[in-house]
Amino acid sequence: MRLLLSALLAVGMASVASAQTVPDQPVMLVPLVDGGKAIAPAASVAQIVGLKKGGDGYVSVRGAPSPKGNERDRLTLGHYVLAANPLDDWKKATFIGVIYADRKEGPEGGLEAACGIENPPPPTVTAKKVYTGPCKSGWVHKRFVKVLAD
């Protein structure tokens, strides 16, 4: 009886744990297009801001645009990132896709070059695509992302 009870308890706890997360969602690169030509890159230079004094000292990078997404990494105040253009309106977005390097101040030669983001983009690159590297990527709550340059 104890074995059965233990097994049921373990299954129940596993179900609760799996219900608390959402599936990972890749960061998408969506260039700004006008007249069928790309006019701006799919991501802008940004910085992690707004962490509370006395708080955790980091913002979680999630695997999905949700507080229930798996935590992939943690970024500290001032970490440079590339903020991906949201698929929807920026004002409606809660989480922003970010692309970043391990170094807080960004790699020498610039974050865009190191992470494979073309700026300016080739005019023929007009379709959205999944970001696959070489830098890390994930999702951060929008209130912690300040765009520095478009």
C-alpha atoms as a PDB file:
ATOM      1  CA  MET A   1       0.000   0.000   0.000  1.00  0.00           C
ATOM      2  CA  ARG A   2       2.819   2.403   0.856  1.00  0.00           C
ATOM      3  CA  LEU A   3       4.514   1.642  -2.454  1.00  0.00           C
ATOM      4  CA  LEU A   4       1.308   2.357  -4.371  1.00  0.00           C
ATOM      5  CA  LEU A   5       0.744   5.589  -2.452  1.00  0.00           C
ATOM      6  CA  SER A   6       4.336   6.689  -3.081  1.00  0.00           C
ATOM      7  CA  ALA A   7       4.001   5.929  -6.793  1.00  0.00           C
ATOM      8  CA  LEU A   8       0.749   7.889  -7.066  1.00  0.00           C
ATOM      9  CA  LEU A   9       2.266  10.814  -5.200  1.00  0.00           C
ATOM     10  CA  ALA A  10       5.303  10.838  -7.513  1.00  0.00           C
ATOM     11  CA  VAL A  11       3.099  10.770 -10.635  1.00  0.00           C
ATOM     12  CA  GLY A  12       0.940  13.570  -9.239  1.00  0.00           C
ATOM     13  CA  MET A  13       3.960  15.747  -8.466  1.00  0.00           C
ATOM     14  CA  ALA A  14       5.379  15.141 -11.945  1.00  0.00           C
ATOM     15  CA  SER A  15       2.052  16.157 -13.493  1.00  0.00           C
ATOM     16  CA  VAL A  16       1.964  19.381 -11.482  1.00  0.00           C
ATOM     17  CA  ALA A  17       5.564  20.191 -12.412  1.00  0.00           C
ATOM     18  CA  SER A  18       4.944  19.623 -16.123  1.00  0.00           C
ATOM     19  CA  ALA A  19       1.744  21.703 -16.000  1.00  0.00           C
ATOM     20  CA  GLN A  20       3.702  24.656 -14.658  1.00  0.00           C
ATOM     21  CA  THR A  21       5.834  25.147 -17.775  1.00  0.00           C
ATOM     22  CA  VAL A  22       5.014  25.934 -21.379  1.00  0.00           C
ATOM     23  CA  PRO A  23       6.865  24.544 -24.409  1.00  0.00           C
ATOM     24  CA  ASP A  24       9.916  26.423 -25.645  1.00  0.00           C
ATOM     25  CA  GLN A  25       9.362  28.848 -28.501  1.00  0.00           C
ATOM     26  CA  PRO A  26      12.260  30.014 -30.670  1.00  0.00           C
ATOM     27  CA  VAL A  27      13.108  33.686 -31.069  1.00  0.00           C
ATOM     28  CA  MET A  28      12.033  34.835 -34.516  1.00  0.00           C
ATOM     29  CA  LEU A  29      13.855  37.410 -36.621  1.00  0.00           C
ATOM     30  CA  VAL A  30      11.355  39.662 -38.393  1.00  0.00           C
ATOM     31  CA  PRO A  31      12.926  42.425 -40.508  1.00  0.00           C
ATOM     32  CA  LEU A  32      10.983  45.652 -41.019  1.00  0.00           C
ATOM     33  CA  VAL A  33       9.799  45.657 -44.626  1.00  0.00           C
ATOM     34  CA  ASP A  34       8.563  48.508 -46.812  1.00  0.00           C
ATOM     35  CA  GLY A  35       7.568  48.043 -50.419  1.00  0.00           C
ATOM     36  CA  GLY A  36       8.792  44.451 -50.410  1.00  0.00           C
ATOM     37  CA  LYS A  37      12.311  45.386 -49.273  1.00  0.00           C
ATOM     38  CA  ALA A  38      13.895  45.065 -45.845  1.00  0.00           C
ATOM     39  CA  ILE A  39      14.565  48.545 -44.476  1.00  0.00           C
ATOM     40  CA  ALA A  40      15.661  47.787 -40.914  1.00  0.00           C
ATOM     41  CA  PRO A  41      17.264  44.840 -39.142  1.00  0.00           C
ATOM     42  CA  ALA A  42      15.232  42.226 -37.332  1.00  0.00           C
ATOM     43  CA  ALA A  43      16.700  43.226 -33.949  1.00  0.00           C
ATOM     44  CA  SER A  44      17.826  46.399 -32.190  1.00  0.00           C
ATOM     45  CA  VAL A  45      20.611  47.004 -29.683  1.00  0.00           C
ATOM     46  CA  ALA A  46      19.131  47.106 -26.181  1.00  0.00           C
ATOM     47  CA  GLN A  47      20.151  46.801 -22.550  1.00  0.00           C
ATOM     48  CA  ILE A  48      18.771  45.075 -19.454  1.00  0.00           C
ATOM     49  CA  VAL A  49      17.344  47.757 -17.122  1.00  0.00           C
ATOM     50  CA  GLY A  50      14.939  48.234 -14.236  1.00  0.00           C
ATOM     51  CA  LEU A  51      16.143  45.636 -11.764  1.00  0.00           C
ATOM     52  CA  LYS A  52      15.133  46.526  -8.211  1.00  0.00           C
ATOM     53  CA  LYS A  53      17.742  47.382  -5.609  1.00  0.00           C
ATOM     54  CA  GLY A  54      17.760  44.602  -3.066  1.00  0.00           C
ATOM     55  CA  GLY A  55      16.089  42.242  -5.544  1.00  0.00           C
ATOM     56  CA  ASP A  56      17.490  39.081  -7.083  1.00  0.00           C
ATOM     57  CA  GLY A  57      19.987  41.056  -9.180  1.00  0.00           C
ATOM     58  CA  TYR A  58      19.015  39.356 -12.432  1.00  0.00           C
ATOM     59  CA  VAL A  59      16.230  38.889 -14.937  1.00  0.00           C
ATOM     60  CA  SER A  60      15.354  35.397 -16.142  1.00  0.00           C
ATOM     61  CA  VAL A  61      15.775  34.487 -19.791  1.00  0.00           C
ATOM     62  CA  ARG A  62      12.912  32.123 -20.587  1.00  0.00           C
ATOM     63  CA  GLY A  63      12.480  29.462 -23.250  1.00  0.00           C
ATOM     64  CA  ALA A  64       9.046  30.849 -24.162  1.00  0.00           C
ATOM     65  CA  PRO A  65       7.362  34.267 -23.976  1.00  0.00           C
ATOM     66  CA  SER A  66       5.676  33.439 -20.680  1.00  0.00           C
ATOM     67  CA  PRO A  67       6.525  33.519 -16.976  1.00  0.00           C
ATOM     68  CA  LYS A  68       5.887  29.755 -17.144  1.00  0.00           C
ATOM     69  CA  GLY A  69       8.632  29.236 -19.742  1.00  0.00           C
ATOM     70  CA  ASN A  70      11.691  27.272 -18.631  1.00  0.00           C
ATOM     71  CA  GLU A  71      14.458  29.469 -17.241  1.00  0.00           C
ATOM     72  CA  ARG A  72      17.411  29.208 -19.650  1.00  0.00           C
ATOM     73  CA  ASP A  73      19.729  31.835 -18.258  1.00  0.00           C
ATOM     74  CA  ARG A  74      19.964  34.951 -16.105  1.00  0.00           C
ATOM     75  CA  LEU A  75      21.078  38.410 -17.198  1.00  0.00           C
ATOM     76  CA  THR A  76      22.221  41.189 -14.878  1.00  0.00           C
ATOM     77  CA  LEU A  77      21.698  44.941 -14.986  1.00  0.00           C
ATOM     78  CA  GLY A  78      23.377  46.587 -17.968  1.00  0.00           C
ATOM     79  CA  HIS A  79      23.807  43.410 -20.060  1.00  0.00           C
ATOM     80  CA  TYR A  80      23.669  44.304 -23.761  1.00  0.00           C
ATOM     81  CA  VAL A  81      21.224  42.317 -25.874  1.00  0.00           C
ATOM     82  CA  LEU A  82      19.616  42.470 -29.281  1.00  0.00           C
ATOM     83  CA  ALA A  83      15.856  42.916 -28.923  1.00  0.00           C
ATOM     84  CA  ALA A  84      14.049  41.066 -31.702  1.00  0.00           C
ATOM     85  CA  ASN A  85      11.164  42.826 -33.393  1.00  0.00           C
ATOM     86  CA  PRO A  86       7.952  41.368 -31.934  1.00  0.00           C
ATOM     87  CA  LEU A  87       5.666  39.447 -34.273  1.00  0.00           C
ATOM     88  CA  ASP A  88       2.884  41.729 -33.018  1.00  0.00           C
ATOM     89  CA  ASP A  89       2.891  45.374 -32.041  1.00  0.00           C
ATOM     90  CA  TRP A  90       5.664  46.283 -29.532  1.00  0.00           C
ATOM     91  CA  LYS A  91       3.054  47.894 -27.269  1.00  0.00           C
ATOM     92  CA  LYS A  92       1.068  44.647 -27.079  1.00  0.00           C
ATOM     93  CA  ALA A  93       4.082  42.405 -26.423  1.00  0.00           C
ATOM     94  CA  THR A  94       4.732  41.287 -22.844  1.00  0.00           C
ATOM     95  CA  PHE A  95       7.930  39.344 -23.540  1.00  0.00           C
ATOM     96  CA  ILE A  96      10.646  40.299 -26.014  1.00  0.00           C
ATOM     97  CA  GLY A  97      12.905  37.869 -27.803  1.00  0.00           C
ATOM     98  CA  VAL A  98      16.523  38.664 -26.960  1.00  0.00           C
ATOM     99  CA  ILE A  99      19.810  37.556 -28.484  1.00  0.00           C
ATOM    100  CA  TYR A 100      22.932  37.939 -26.383  1.00  0.00           C
ATOM    101  CA  ALA A 101      26.538  36.951 -25.817  1.00  0.00           C
ATOM    102  CA  ASP A 102      28.056  35.745 -22.552  1.00  0.00           C
ATOM    103  CA  ARG A 103      29.971  38.990 -22.021  1.00  0.00           C
ATOM    104  CA  LYS A 104      27.801  41.600 -20.292  1.00  0.00           C
ATOM    105  CA  GLU A 105      29.301  44.465 -22.291  1.00  0.00           C
ATOM    106  CA  GLY A 106      28.925  42.559 -25.546  1.00  0.00           C
ATOM    107  CA  PRO A 107      31.645  41.157 -27.768  1.00  0.00           C
ATOM    108  CA  GLU A 108      34.342  43.296 -29.280  1.00  0.00           C
ATOM    109  CA  GLY A 109      33.335  44.313 -32.776  1.00  0.00           C
ATOM    110  CA  GLY A 110      29.693  44.637 -31.813  1.00  0.00           C
ATOM    111  CA  LEU A 111      26.866  42.386 -30.795  1.00  0.00           C
ATOM    112  CA  GLU A 112      25.182  42.412 -34.204  1.00  0.00           C
ATOM    113  CA  ALA A 113      28.294  41.172 -36.009  1.00  0.00           C
ATOM    114  CA  ALA A 114      29.097  38.565 -33.345  1.00  0.00           C
ATOM    115  CA  CYS A 115      25.538  37.226 -33.334  1.00  0.00           C
ATOM    116  CA  GLY A 116      25.070  37.172 -37.112  1.00  0.00           C
ATOM    117  CA  ILE A 117      22.511  39.977 -37.401  1.00  0.00           C
ATOM    118  CA  GLU A 118      23.014  41.946 -40.613  1.00  0.00           C
ATOM    119  CA  ASN A 119      22.644  45.718 -40.250  1.00  0.00           C
ATOM    120  CA  PRO A 120      21.615  47.047 -42.643  1.00  0.00           C
ATOM    121  CA  PRO A 121      19.843  43.906 -43.779  1.00  0.00           C
ATOM    122  CA  PRO A 122      20.051  42.819 -47.408  1.00  0.00           C
ATOM    123  CA  PRO A 123      16.943  44.289 -49.104  1.00  0.00           C
ATOM    124  CA  THR A 124      15.936  40.825 -50.287  1.00  0.00           C
ATOM    125  CA  VAL A 125      15.699  39.369 -46.763  1.00  0.00           C
ATOM    126  CA  THR A 126      12.019  39.969 -46.055  1.00  0.00           C
ATOM    127  CA  ALA A 127      10.799  36.743 -44.445  1.00  0.00           C
ATOM    128  CA  LYS A 128      10.803  35.944 -40.751  1.00  0.00           C
ATOM    129  CA  LYS A 129      13.141  33.179 -39.625  1.00  0.00           C
ATOM    130  CA  VAL A 130      14.107  31.339 -36.459  1.00  0.00           C
ATOM    131  CA  TYR A 131      17.287  32.614 -34.795  1.00  0.00           C
ATOM    132  CA  THR A 132      19.673  29.662 -34.530  1.00  0.00           C
ATOM    133  CA  GLY A 133      22.885  31.242 -33.289  1.00  0.00           C
ATOM    134  CA  PRO A 134      25.788  31.606 -32.825  1.00  0.00           C
ATOM    135  CA  CYS A 135      24.757  33.638 -29.744  1.00  0.00           C
ATOM    136  CA  LYS A 136      22.258  32.640 -27.059  1.00  0.00           C
ATOM    137  CA  SER A 137      18.597  33.603 -27.284  1.00  0.00           C
ATOM    138  CA  GLY A 138      15.419  33.510 -25.242  1.00  0.00           C
ATOM    139  CA  TRP A 139      12.614  35.647 -23.877  1.00  0.00           C
ATOM    140  CA  VAL A 140      12.734  38.459 -21.290  1.00  0.00           C
ATOM    141  CA  HIS A 141       9.834  40.450 -19.851  1.00  0.00           C
ATOM    142  CA  LYS A 142       9.575  43.702 -21.813  1.00  0.00           C
ATOM    143  CA  ARG A 143       9.833  45.948 -18.736  1.00  0.00           C
ATOM    144  CA  PHE A 144      13.500  44.911 -18.371  1.00  0.00           C
ATOM    145  CA  VAL A 145      14.493  45.671 -21.994  1.00  0.00           C
ATOM    146  CA  LYS A 146      15.391  49.203 -23.102  1.00  0.00           C
ATOM    147  CA  VAL A 147      16.082  49.665 -26.812  1.00  0.00           C
ATOM    148  CA  LEU A 148      19.109  51.920 -27.287  1.00  0.00           C
ATOM    149  CA  ALA A 149      19.320  52.072 -31.081  1.00  0.00           C
ATOM    150  CA  ASP A 150      16.920  51.095 -33.847  1.00  0.00           C
END
